[in-house]
Protein backbone atom coordinates (compact mmCIF):
# COMPACT_ATOMS: atom_id res chain seq x y z
CA UNK A 1 13.12 -15.66 36.90
CA UNK A 2 9.22 -15.64 35.89
CA UNK A 3 9.91 -12.72 34.55
CA UNK A 4 13.44 -13.34 32.57
CA UNK A 5 10.93 -16.24 30.61
CA UNK A 6 7.86 -14.10 29.56
CA UNK A 7 10.75 -11.34 28.14
CA UNK A 8 12.57 -14.68 26.27
CA UNK A 9 9.38 -15.94 25.02
CA UNK A 10 8.11 -12.24 24.25
CA UNK A 11 11.47 -11.60 22.28
CA UNK A 12 11.09 -15.34 20.34
CA UNK A 13 7.19 -14.05 19.44
CA UNK A 14 8.30 -11.12 17.64
CA UNK A 15 11.24 -12.57 16.43
CA UNK A 16 9.34 -15.32 14.74
CA UNK A 17 6.34 -12.72 13.53
CA UNK A 18 9.24 -10.79 12.40
CA UNK A 19 10.20 -13.69 9.90
CA UNK A 20 7.24 -14.84 8.90
CA UNK A 21 6.18 -11.61 7.84
CA UNK A 22 9.06 -10.80 5.92
CA UNK A 23 8.10 -14.41 4.01
CA UNK A 24 4.99 -13.81 3.32
CA UNK A 25 5.48 -10.56 2.25
CA UNK A 26 3.71 -6.82 2.54
CA UNK A 27 0.25 -5.66 1.75
CA UNK A 28 -1.38 -2.99 2.50
CA UNK A 29 -4.78 -3.47 4.80
CA UNK A 30 -7.14 -2.91 1.54
CA UNK A 31 -5.41 -5.43 -0.90
CA UNK A 32 -5.69 -8.31 1.23
CA UNK A 33 -8.34 -10.84 0.48
CA UNK A 34 -10.46 -12.78 3.03
CA UNK A 35 -8.12 -15.14 3.94
CA UNK A 36 -4.71 -13.05 3.89
CA UNK A 37 -7.19 -11.23 6.74
CA UNK A 38 -7.85 -13.73 9.07
CA UNK A 39 -4.78 -15.29 9.19
CA UNK A 40 -3.26 -12.33 10.16
CA UNK A 41 -5.65 -11.71 12.68
CA UNK A 42 -4.91 -15.54 13.62
CA UNK A 43 -0.93 -15.70 13.24
CA UNK A 44 -1.23 -12.14 15.30
CA UNK A 45 -3.24 -14.24 17.77
CA UNK A 46 -1.12 -17.00 18.31
CA UNK A 47 2.07 -14.31 18.49
CA UNK A 48 0.73 -12.80 22.00
CA UNK A 49 0.31 -16.54 22.82
CA UNK A 50 3.84 -17.47 22.24
CA UNK A 51 4.86 -14.70 24.03
CA UNK A 52 2.86 -15.40 27.13
CA UNK A 53 3.46 -19.07 27.27
CA UNK A 54 5.83 -20.51 30.11
CA UNK A 55 5.42 -24.11 29.87
CA UNK A 56 5.42 -24.89 26.38
CA UNK A 57 6.05 -22.28 23.74
CA UNK A 58 7.02 -24.92 21.20
CA UNK A 59 3.60 -25.78 20.47
CA UNK A 60 2.00 -21.87 19.68
CA UNK A 61 5.92 -21.93 17.92
CA UNK A 62 5.01 -24.63 15.70
CA UNK A 63 1.24 -22.87 15.14
CA UNK A 64 2.99 -20.19 13.99
CA UNK A 65 5.45 -21.92 11.37
CA UNK A 66 2.40 -23.86 10.05
CA UNK A 67 -0.01 -20.64 9.54
CA UNK A 68 2.95 -18.85 7.86
CA UNK A 69 3.60 -22.01 5.71
CA UNK A 70 -0.01 -22.01 4.85
CA UNK A 71 -0.18 -19.11 3.78
CA UNK A 72 3.01 -18.71 1.70
CA UNK A 73 1.91 -22.01 -0.34
CA UNK A 74 -2.00 -20.63 -0.88
CA UNK A 75 0.31 -17.55 -2.36
CA UNK A 76 2.69 -19.55 -4.29
CA UNK A 77 -0.34 -21.14 -5.74
CA UNK A 78 -2.72 -18.20 -6.94
CA UNK A 79 0.02 -17.18 -8.97
CA UNK A 80 0.89 -19.79 -10.98
CA UNK A 81 -2.43 -21.28 -11.20
CA UNK A 82 -5.46 -19.22 -12.44
CA UNK A 83 -7.91 -21.71 -11.49
CA UNK A 84 -6.05 -21.83 -7.53
CA UNK A 85 -6.35 -18.22 -8.32
CA UNK A 86 -9.97 -18.00 -8.56
CA UNK A 87 -11.05 -20.51 -6.06
CA UNK A 88 -8.82 -18.93 -3.33
CA UNK A 89 -9.41 -15.17 -4.02
CA UNK A 90 -12.56 -15.09 -5.78
CA UNK A 91 -13.17 -13.36 -9.19
CA UNK A 92 -14.43 -9.31 -9.84
CA UNK A 93 -17.77 -9.13 -9.97
CA UNK A 94 -19.69 -6.73 -12.22
CA UNK A 95 -22.10 -4.40 -10.04
CA UNK A 96 -22.79 -1.95 -13.01
CA UNK A 97 -22.82 -1.31 -16.48
CA UNK A 98 -23.65 0.74 -19.40
CA UNK A 99 -26.61 1.79 -16.81
CA UNK A 100 -27.77 -1.18 -15.58
CA UNK A 101 -27.23 -2.39 -12.22
CA UNK A 102 -27.41 -6.03 -11.49
CA UNK A 103 -28.73 -7.11 -7.94
CA UNK A 104 -28.04 -10.59 -8.68
CA UNK A 105 -24.06 -9.47 -8.43
CA UNK A 106 -24.64 -7.31 -5.98
CA UNK A 107 -26.01 -10.00 -3.64
CA UNK A 108 -23.29 -12.57 -4.83
CA UNK A 109 -21.16 -9.73 -3.67
CA UNK A 110 -23.03 -9.17 -0.12
CA UNK A 111 -23.39 -5.56 -0.89
CA UNK A 112 -26.59 -3.68 -0.93
CA UNK A 113 -27.40 -0.60 -2.47
CA UNK A 114 -26.18 1.62 -0.11
CA UNK A 115 -23.23 0.09 0.32
CA UNK A 116 -22.73 0.96 -3.41
CA UNK A 117 -23.52 3.93 -3.06
CA UNK A 118 -20.52 4.71 -0.35
CA UNK A 119 -18.07 2.42 -2.33
CA UNK A 120 -18.98 5.26 -5.20
CA UNK A 121 -18.45 8.35 -3.40
CA UNK A 122 -15.46 6.99 -2.12
CA UNK A 123 -14.30 6.61 -5.98
CA UNK A 124 -15.72 10.13 -5.86
CA UNK A 125 -18.42 9.57 -8.03
CA UNK A 126 -21.36 10.81 -6.64
CA UNK A 127 -23.61 10.91 -9.76
CA UNK A 128 -23.53 6.95 -10.93
CA UNK A 129 -24.40 8.44 -13.86
CA UNK A 130 -20.81 9.49 -14.90
CA UNK A 131 -20.52 5.57 -14.63
CA UNK A 132 -19.97 3.55 -17.54
CA UNK A 133 -18.44 0.38 -15.42
CA UNK A 134 -18.35 -0.38 -11.94
CA UNK A 135 -16.49 -3.83 -10.75
CA UNK A 136 -16.30 -5.19 -7.32
CA UNK A 137 -12.76 -6.63 -6.90
CA UNK A 138 -11.97 -9.63 -4.59
CA UNK A 139 -10.20 -7.63 -2.07
CA UNK A 140 -13.11 -5.48 -1.71
CA UNK A 141 -11.91 -2.86 -3.92
CA UNK A 142 -14.56 -1.02 -6.53
CA UNK A 143 -12.95 -0.30 -9.73
CA UNK A 144 -14.83 2.65 -11.52
CA UNK A 145 -14.96 3.37 -15.32
CA UNK A 146 -16.34 6.70 -16.35
CA UNK A 147 -18.80 7.18 -18.49
CA UNK A 148 -15.72 8.61 -21.70
CA UNK A 149 -18.07 12.33 -22.63
CA UNK A 150 -18.13 12.77 -18.36
CA UNK A 151 -14.30 12.07 -17.69
CA UNK A 152 -12.28 14.40 -17.31
CA UNK A 153 -10.19 15.77 -20.96
CA UNK A 154 -6.39 14.41 -20.60
CA UNK A 155 -3.47 16.34 -23.17
CA UNK A 156 -4.16 14.04 -25.88
CA UNK A 157 -7.59 14.85 -26.03
CA UNK A 158 -6.65 18.12 -26.65
CA UNK A 159 -3.40 16.78 -28.88
CA UNK A 160 -1.03 18.56 -26.30
CA UNK A 161 2.44 16.83 -25.67
CA UNK A 162 3.60 17.47 -22.20
CA UNK A 163 6.95 16.54 -21.26
CA UNK A 164 7.66 13.39 -19.28
CA UNK A 165 7.00 14.12 -15.50
CA UNK A 166 10.03 12.81 -13.20
CA UNK A 167 9.97 11.63 -9.41
CA UNK A 168 11.91 14.59 -7.47
CA UNK A 169 14.50 14.19 -5.21
CA UNK A 170 15.13 14.74 -1.73
CA UNK A 171 18.45 16.23 -0.96
CA UNK A 172 17.83 17.91 2.22
CA UNK A 173 15.52 16.53 4.93
CA UNK A 174 15.40 17.51 8.55
CA UNK A 175 18.44 19.75 7.80
CA UNK A 176 20.76 16.73 6.65
CA UNK A 177 22.16 16.86 3.26
CA UNK A 178 21.63 13.65 1.14
CA UNK A 179 25.18 13.47 -0.73
CA UNK A 180 23.95 10.19 -2.04
CA UNK A 181 20.94 11.70 -4.01
CA UNK A 182 22.60 14.42 -5.38
CA UNK A 183 25.98 12.38 -6.94
CA UNK A 184 23.01 10.16 -8.55
CA UNK A 185 21.43 13.48 -9.93
CA UNK A 186 25.34 14.68 -10.71
CA UNK A 187 25.35 17.31 -8.16
CA UNK A 188 27.34 17.93 -5.49
CA UNK A 189 27.45 19.62 -2.02
CA UNK A 190 29.10 23.28 -3.28
CA UNK A 191 26.15 23.41 -5.74
CA UNK A 192 23.73 22.79 -3.18
CA UNK A 193 25.51 25.53 -0.80
CA UNK A 194 24.87 28.06 -3.86
CA UNK A 195 21.58 27.16 -4.39
CA UNK A 196 21.01 27.38 -0.50
CA UNK A 197 22.83 31.20 -0.81
CA UNK A 198 20.75 32.16 -3.68
CA UNK A 199 17.36 31.32 -2.20
CA UNK A 200 18.43 33.55 1.01
CA UNK A 201 19.81 30.38 3.58
CA UNK A 202 22.92 30.37 5.79
CA UNK A 203 22.25 26.66 6.09
CA UNK A 204 21.23 22.98 5.09
CA UNK A 205 19.85 22.90 8.94
CA UNK A 206 17.36 25.93 7.93
CA UNK A 207 15.54 23.75 6.07
CA UNK A 208 13.01 20.91 6.89
CA UNK A 209 12.94 19.65 3.23
CA UNK A 210 14.43 19.94 -0.08
CA UNK A 211 14.08 18.45 -3.63
CA UNK A 212 15.05 18.68 -7.06
CA UNK A 213 13.80 18.04 -10.00
CA UNK A 214 15.13 17.08 -13.36
CA UNK A 215 15.91 20.20 -14.40
CA UNK A 216 17.68 21.17 -11.78
CA UNK A 217 14.89 23.21 -9.95
CA UNK A 218 15.18 23.50 -6.26
CA UNK A 219 12.49 23.43 -3.85
CA UNK A 220 13.08 24.35 -0.29
CA UNK A 221 10.69 23.85 2.28
CA UNK A 222 12.49 25.48 5.90
CA UNK A 223 11.62 24.87 9.24
CA UNK A 224 9.16 26.75 11.29
């Protein structure tokens, strides 16, 4: 009987956590602000407690719902009210501009010089002379504007007009033909089989991944 209760409370915990996660929305860990981060840890902790609470599972369930609701309400406030967003999430801080490092702003962001240098290297800047402006975002990420003279050249700089890029479409995955994707591109299985033969393959089962670009060029990666 005890085992059945544990199974039921565990399933209830998983279901509640799944629903709350869906309502709160998905964010990558790097996008979480401080409140989102501690809320996530707390919600996970309460869910774990709910899974093993056999006497009164409603208590942790209520706490779980309250944390979820508060997180959703705060998220709505930050979207609707700019002042609330600044108060809850904080605001971006300029750490460097025009060759000048701002010590006060670094202290405000709780960063020292070595941590700042690490963040610069993570962005690919090993020489801070290549940086025009560095901004510490509220989610802990560093945004960098490079010095104009040292940024990579673009087609526009060279007066070139490249064709617009398009996302490639998967037409074969793990040996399976994705017919819906083929139809969206105006193609069919017969066209795909012909392309396979031309590239020396007898069947889609020999292909690990097949992608097709906007010009109907098929790239195949065989199973190794």
